[in-house]
Amino acid sequence: MAYKIIKGVLILTLFLSISACHSMKFKIADGQVGNVVKDRKSFFLFGIVPTENVDLALYCPNGTIAVAESTSFLDGFLGFVTLGIYTPRSSTYYCAARVN
């Protein structure tokens, strides 16, 4: 009986940890949003160690309005499968519209 309870708790914990998604958005400036760029970045060791620095001027030459970071279901699943060694994160860059 105790084995079934422990097994059930472990399975529930597994599904809850896989489905744990989050998102955050940083507003940098006011203005009209023009282009929206989506990207995925690689991180290691539970997201502590990034693999690259991002130069937003390459994505948004007219300036950046906001940056959003999120962990999708797929990102969380890949982190779970690799035991947190590889943890990707999805990024969205909201570029300023070109002013005429």
N, C-alpha and C. Protein backbone atom coordinates (compact mmCIF):
# COMPACT_ATOMS: atom_id res chain seq x y z
N MET A 1 0.82 -1.19 0.00
CA MET A 1 0.00 0.00 0.00
C MET A 1 0.87 1.26 0.00
N ALA A 2 1.89 1.31 0.84
CA ALA A 2 2.77 2.47 0.91
C ALA A 2 3.53 2.64 -0.40
N TYR A 3 3.86 1.54 -1.07
CA TYR A 3 4.56 1.60 -2.34
C TYR A 3 3.72 2.31 -3.39
N LYS A 4 2.42 2.02 -3.42
CA LYS A 4 1.52 2.67 -4.39
C LYS A 4 1.40 4.16 -4.12
N ILE A 5 1.38 4.55 -2.87
CA ILE A 5 1.29 5.96 -2.52
C ILE A 5 2.56 6.69 -2.94
N ILE A 6 3.71 6.10 -2.62
CA ILE A 6 4.98 6.71 -2.99
C ILE A 6 5.10 6.81 -4.51
N LYS A 7 4.71 5.76 -5.22
CA LYS A 7 4.75 5.76 -6.68
C LYS A 7 3.84 6.86 -7.24
N GLY A 8 2.66 7.00 -6.68
CA GLY A 8 1.72 8.03 -7.12
C GLY A 8 2.26 9.43 -6.89
N VAL A 9 2.88 9.64 -5.73
CA VAL A 9 3.46 10.96 -5.42
C VAL A 9 4.61 11.26 -6.37
N LEU A 10 5.45 10.29 -6.67
CA LEU A 10 6.56 10.50 -7.60
C LEU A 10 6.06 10.82 -9.01
N ILE A 11 5.03 10.12 -9.45
CA ILE A 11 4.48 10.39 -10.78
C ILE A 11 3.85 11.77 -10.83
N LEU A 12 3.13 12.16 -9.78
CA LEU A 12 2.54 13.49 -9.71
C LEU A 12 3.61 14.57 -9.71
N THR A 13 4.67 14.35 -8.95
CA THR A 13 5.78 15.31 -8.92
C THR A 13 6.44 15.43 -10.29
N LEU A 14 6.61 14.32 -10.98
CA LEU A 14 7.18 14.33 -12.32
C LEU A 14 6.34 15.18 -13.26
N PHE A 15 5.04 14.95 -13.29
CA PHE A 15 4.18 15.71 -14.21
C PHE A 15 4.12 17.19 -13.84
N LEU A 16 4.11 17.50 -12.56
CA LEU A 16 4.08 18.90 -12.15
C LEU A 16 5.39 19.62 -12.49
N SER A 17 6.52 18.93 -12.35
CA SER A 17 7.79 19.57 -12.67
C SER A 17 7.97 19.76 -14.16
N ILE A 18 7.45 18.86 -14.96
CA ILE A 18 7.54 19.01 -16.41
C ILE A 18 6.66 20.15 -16.89
N SER A 19 5.51 20.32 -16.28
CA SER A 19 4.56 21.33 -16.75
C SER A 19 4.80 22.71 -16.15
N ALA A 20 5.83 22.87 -15.35
CA ALA A 20 6.10 24.16 -14.69
C ALA A 20 6.68 25.14 -15.70
N CYS A 21 5.83 25.99 -16.24
CA CYS A 21 6.26 27.00 -17.21
C CYS A 21 6.23 28.36 -16.53
N HIS A 22 7.05 29.26 -16.98
CA HIS A 22 7.05 30.61 -16.43
C HIS A 22 7.35 31.60 -17.53
N SER A 23 7.02 32.84 -17.28
CA SER A 23 7.37 33.89 -18.22
C SER A 23 7.54 35.20 -17.46
N MET A 24 8.37 36.07 -18.00
CA MET A 24 8.57 37.40 -17.43
C MET A 24 8.85 38.36 -18.58
N LYS A 25 8.39 39.59 -18.41
CA LYS A 25 8.55 40.59 -19.46
C LYS A 25 9.13 41.85 -18.85
N PHE A 26 10.17 42.36 -19.48
CA PHE A 26 10.84 43.57 -19.02
C PHE A 26 10.55 44.70 -20.01
N LYS A 27 9.88 45.72 -19.55
CA LYS A 27 9.61 46.88 -20.39
C LYS A 27 10.80 47.82 -20.29
N ILE A 28 11.39 48.13 -21.44
CA ILE A 28 12.60 48.95 -21.47
C ILE A 28 12.28 50.40 -21.81
N ALA A 29 11.34 50.60 -22.73
CA ALA A 29 11.01 51.96 -23.18
C ALA A 29 9.56 52.03 -23.61
N ASP A 30 9.04 53.23 -23.71
CA ASP A 30 7.71 53.45 -24.25
C ASP A 30 7.82 53.62 -25.75
N GLY A 31 6.75 53.33 -26.44
CA GLY A 31 6.75 53.53 -27.88
C GLY A 31 5.95 52.48 -28.60
N GLN A 32 5.90 52.64 -29.90
CA GLN A 32 5.16 51.73 -30.77
C GLN A 32 6.02 50.50 -31.08
N VAL A 33 5.44 49.32 -30.94
CA VAL A 33 6.16 48.09 -31.26
C VAL A 33 6.10 47.85 -32.76
N GLY A 34 7.25 47.61 -33.35
CA GLY A 34 7.33 47.31 -34.78
C GLY A 34 7.49 45.82 -35.00
N ASN A 35 8.70 45.37 -35.09
CA ASN A 35 9.02 43.97 -35.35
C ASN A 35 9.10 43.19 -34.03
N VAL A 36 8.63 41.94 -34.05
CA VAL A 36 8.73 41.05 -32.90
C VAL A 36 9.60 39.87 -33.32
N VAL A 37 10.69 39.64 -32.57
CA VAL A 37 11.65 38.58 -32.90
C VAL A 37 11.61 37.53 -31.80
N LYS A 38 11.45 36.26 -32.21
CA LYS A 38 11.45 35.14 -31.25
C LYS A 38 12.75 34.36 -31.42
N ASP A 39 13.30 33.94 -30.28
CA ASP A 39 14.59 33.26 -30.29
C ASP A 39 14.62 32.27 -29.13
N ARG A 40 15.49 31.29 -29.22
CA ARG A 40 15.68 30.34 -28.13
C ARG A 40 17.16 30.32 -27.77
N LYS A 41 17.45 30.46 -26.50
CA LYS A 41 18.82 30.47 -26.00
C LYS A 41 19.09 29.20 -25.20
N SER A 42 20.34 28.77 -25.23
CA SER A 42 20.76 27.60 -24.47
C SER A 42 21.43 28.02 -23.17
N PHE A 43 21.08 27.35 -22.10
CA PHE A 43 21.69 27.55 -20.80
C PHE A 43 22.09 26.19 -20.26
N PHE A 44 23.01 26.20 -19.31
CA PHE A 44 23.44 24.96 -18.67
C PHE A 44 23.31 25.09 -17.16
N LEU A 45 23.32 23.96 -16.48
CA LEU A 45 23.25 23.88 -15.02
C LEU A 45 22.05 24.65 -14.47
N PHE A 46 20.86 24.17 -14.83
CA PHE A 46 19.59 24.72 -14.35
C PHE A 46 19.38 26.18 -14.74
N GLY A 47 19.97 26.61 -15.84
CA GLY A 47 19.79 27.97 -16.33
C GLY A 47 20.73 28.99 -15.73
N ILE A 48 21.72 28.54 -14.99
CA ILE A 48 22.65 29.46 -14.34
C ILE A 48 23.74 29.93 -15.30
N VAL A 49 24.18 29.05 -16.19
CA VAL A 49 25.31 29.35 -17.08
C VAL A 49 24.80 29.59 -18.50
N PRO A 50 24.84 30.86 -18.97
CA PRO A 50 24.40 31.13 -20.35
C PRO A 50 25.48 30.73 -21.34
N THR A 51 25.07 30.53 -22.59
CA THR A 51 26.03 30.17 -23.63
C THR A 51 26.42 31.34 -24.51
N GLU A 52 25.69 32.45 -24.42
CA GLU A 52 26.01 33.61 -25.25
C GLU A 52 25.40 34.88 -24.67
N ASN A 53 25.98 36.01 -25.03
CA ASN A 53 25.41 37.31 -24.70
C ASN A 53 24.60 37.79 -25.90
N VAL A 54 23.54 38.52 -25.63
CA VAL A 54 22.66 38.99 -26.69
C VAL A 54 22.89 40.48 -26.92
N ASP A 55 23.15 40.85 -28.16
CA ASP A 55 23.25 42.25 -28.55
C ASP A 55 21.91 42.62 -29.20
N LEU A 56 21.07 43.32 -28.47
CA LEU A 56 19.73 43.64 -28.97
C LEU A 56 19.78 44.55 -30.19
N ALA A 57 20.85 45.29 -30.38
CA ALA A 57 20.96 46.16 -31.56
C ALA A 57 20.99 45.34 -32.85
N LEU A 58 21.44 44.11 -32.79
CA LEU A 58 21.42 43.26 -33.98
C LEU A 58 20.01 42.85 -34.35
N TYR A 59 19.16 42.64 -33.35
CA TYR A 59 17.77 42.25 -33.59
C TYR A 59 16.88 43.46 -33.83
N CYS A 60 17.14 44.55 -33.10
CA CYS A 60 16.28 45.73 -33.13
C CYS A 60 17.13 46.99 -33.39
N PRO A 61 17.41 47.30 -34.64
CA PRO A 61 18.27 48.46 -34.93
C PRO A 61 17.63 49.80 -34.54
N ASN A 62 16.30 49.87 -34.42
CA ASN A 62 15.62 51.11 -34.05
C ASN A 62 15.41 51.25 -32.54
N GLY A 63 15.89 50.30 -31.80
CA GLY A 63 15.71 50.31 -30.34
C GLY A 63 14.79 49.18 -29.90
N THR A 64 14.79 48.90 -28.62
CA THR A 64 14.00 47.82 -28.06
C THR A 64 12.96 48.38 -27.10
N ILE A 65 11.73 47.92 -27.24
CA ILE A 65 10.64 48.34 -26.36
C ILE A 65 10.56 47.42 -25.14
N ALA A 66 10.66 46.11 -25.37
CA ALA A 66 10.54 45.15 -24.27
C ALA A 66 11.23 43.84 -24.63
N VAL A 67 11.55 43.08 -23.60
CA VAL A 67 12.14 41.75 -23.75
C VAL A 67 11.34 40.80 -22.86
N ALA A 68 10.94 39.68 -23.43
CA ALA A 68 10.20 38.67 -22.67
C ALA A 68 11.01 37.37 -22.65
N GLU A 69 11.10 36.77 -21.49
CA GLU A 69 11.77 35.47 -21.32
C GLU A 69 10.73 34.49 -20.82
N SER A 70 10.76 33.28 -21.35
CA SER A 70 9.80 32.28 -20.89
C SER A 70 10.39 30.88 -20.99
N THR A 71 9.83 30.01 -20.20
CA THR A 71 10.16 28.59 -20.28
C THR A 71 8.90 27.88 -20.74
N SER A 72 8.92 27.39 -21.96
CA SER A 72 7.77 26.68 -22.50
C SER A 72 7.76 25.24 -22.00
N PHE A 73 6.72 24.52 -22.35
CA PHE A 73 6.64 23.12 -21.96
C PHE A 73 7.83 22.35 -22.54
N LEU A 74 8.15 22.61 -23.81
CA LEU A 74 9.28 21.91 -24.45
C LEU A 74 10.60 22.26 -23.76
N ASP A 75 10.79 23.55 -23.42
CA ASP A 75 12.00 23.95 -22.70
C ASP A 75 12.12 23.20 -21.37
N GLY A 76 11.02 23.15 -20.63
CA GLY A 76 11.02 22.45 -19.35
C GLY A 76 11.24 20.96 -19.50
N PHE A 77 10.66 20.38 -20.54
CA PHE A 77 10.83 18.96 -20.78
C PHE A 77 12.29 18.62 -21.11
N LEU A 78 12.92 19.45 -21.96
CA LEU A 78 14.33 19.21 -22.29
C LEU A 78 15.23 19.36 -21.07
N GLY A 79 14.92 20.34 -20.22
CA GLY A 79 15.67 20.48 -18.98
C GLY A 79 15.48 19.29 -18.06
N PHE A 80 14.27 18.75 -18.02
CA PHE A 80 13.99 17.59 -17.18
C PHE A 80 14.71 16.34 -17.68
N VAL A 81 14.64 16.12 -18.99
CA VAL A 81 15.26 14.92 -19.58
C VAL A 81 16.77 14.93 -19.37
N THR A 82 17.39 16.11 -19.43
CA THR A 82 18.84 16.20 -19.25
C THR A 82 19.23 16.44 -17.78
N LEU A 83 18.29 16.30 -16.89
CA LEU A 83 18.51 16.48 -15.45
C LEU A 83 19.05 17.87 -15.12
N GLY A 84 18.62 18.88 -15.90
CA GLY A 84 19.02 20.26 -15.64
C GLY A 84 20.37 20.65 -16.21
N ILE A 85 21.04 19.72 -16.87
CA ILE A 85 22.33 20.06 -17.46
C ILE A 85 22.14 21.04 -18.61
N TYR A 86 21.17 20.76 -19.49
CA TYR A 86 20.84 21.65 -20.60
C TYR A 86 19.44 22.21 -20.35
N THR A 87 19.32 23.52 -20.26
CA THR A 87 18.02 24.14 -19.99
C THR A 87 17.79 25.31 -20.94
N PRO A 88 17.09 25.06 -22.04
CA PRO A 88 16.83 26.15 -22.98
C PRO A 88 15.79 27.11 -22.43
N ARG A 89 15.77 28.31 -22.99
CA ARG A 89 14.81 29.33 -22.60
C ARG A 89 14.39 30.08 -23.86
N SER A 90 13.12 30.37 -23.99
CA SER A 90 12.60 31.10 -25.14
C SER A 90 12.61 32.60 -24.86
N SER A 91 13.03 33.39 -25.85
CA SER A 91 13.08 34.84 -25.71
C SER A 91 12.27 35.49 -26.81
N THR A 92 11.64 36.61 -26.48
CA THR A 92 10.92 37.41 -27.46
C THR A 92 11.38 38.85 -27.30
N TYR A 93 11.79 39.46 -28.41
CA TYR A 93 12.26 40.84 -28.40
C TYR A 93 11.25 41.70 -29.15
N TYR A 94 10.75 42.74 -28.48
CA TYR A 94 9.79 43.66 -29.07
C TYR A 94 10.56 44.90 -29.51
N CYS A 95 10.72 45.04 -30.82
CA CYS A 95 11.52 46.13 -31.38
C CYS A 95 10.66 47.37 -31.59
N ALA A 96 11.32 48.52 -31.48
CA ALA A 96 10.64 49.79 -31.71
C ALA A 96 10.35 49.96 -33.19
N ALA A 97 9.20 50.57 -33.46
CA ALA A 97 8.83 50.84 -34.85
C ALA A 97 9.73 51.95 -35.41
N ARG A 98 9.98 51.89 -36.68
CA ARG A 98 10.81 52.89 -37.34
C ARG A 98 10.03 54.21 -37.42
N VAL A 99 10.65 55.29 -37.02
CA VAL A 99 10.02 56.59 -37.05
C VAL A 99 10.38 57.28 -38.35
N ASN A 100 9.36 57.76 -39.07
CA ASN A 100 9.61 58.43 -40.36
C ASN A 100 9.98 59.87 -40.19
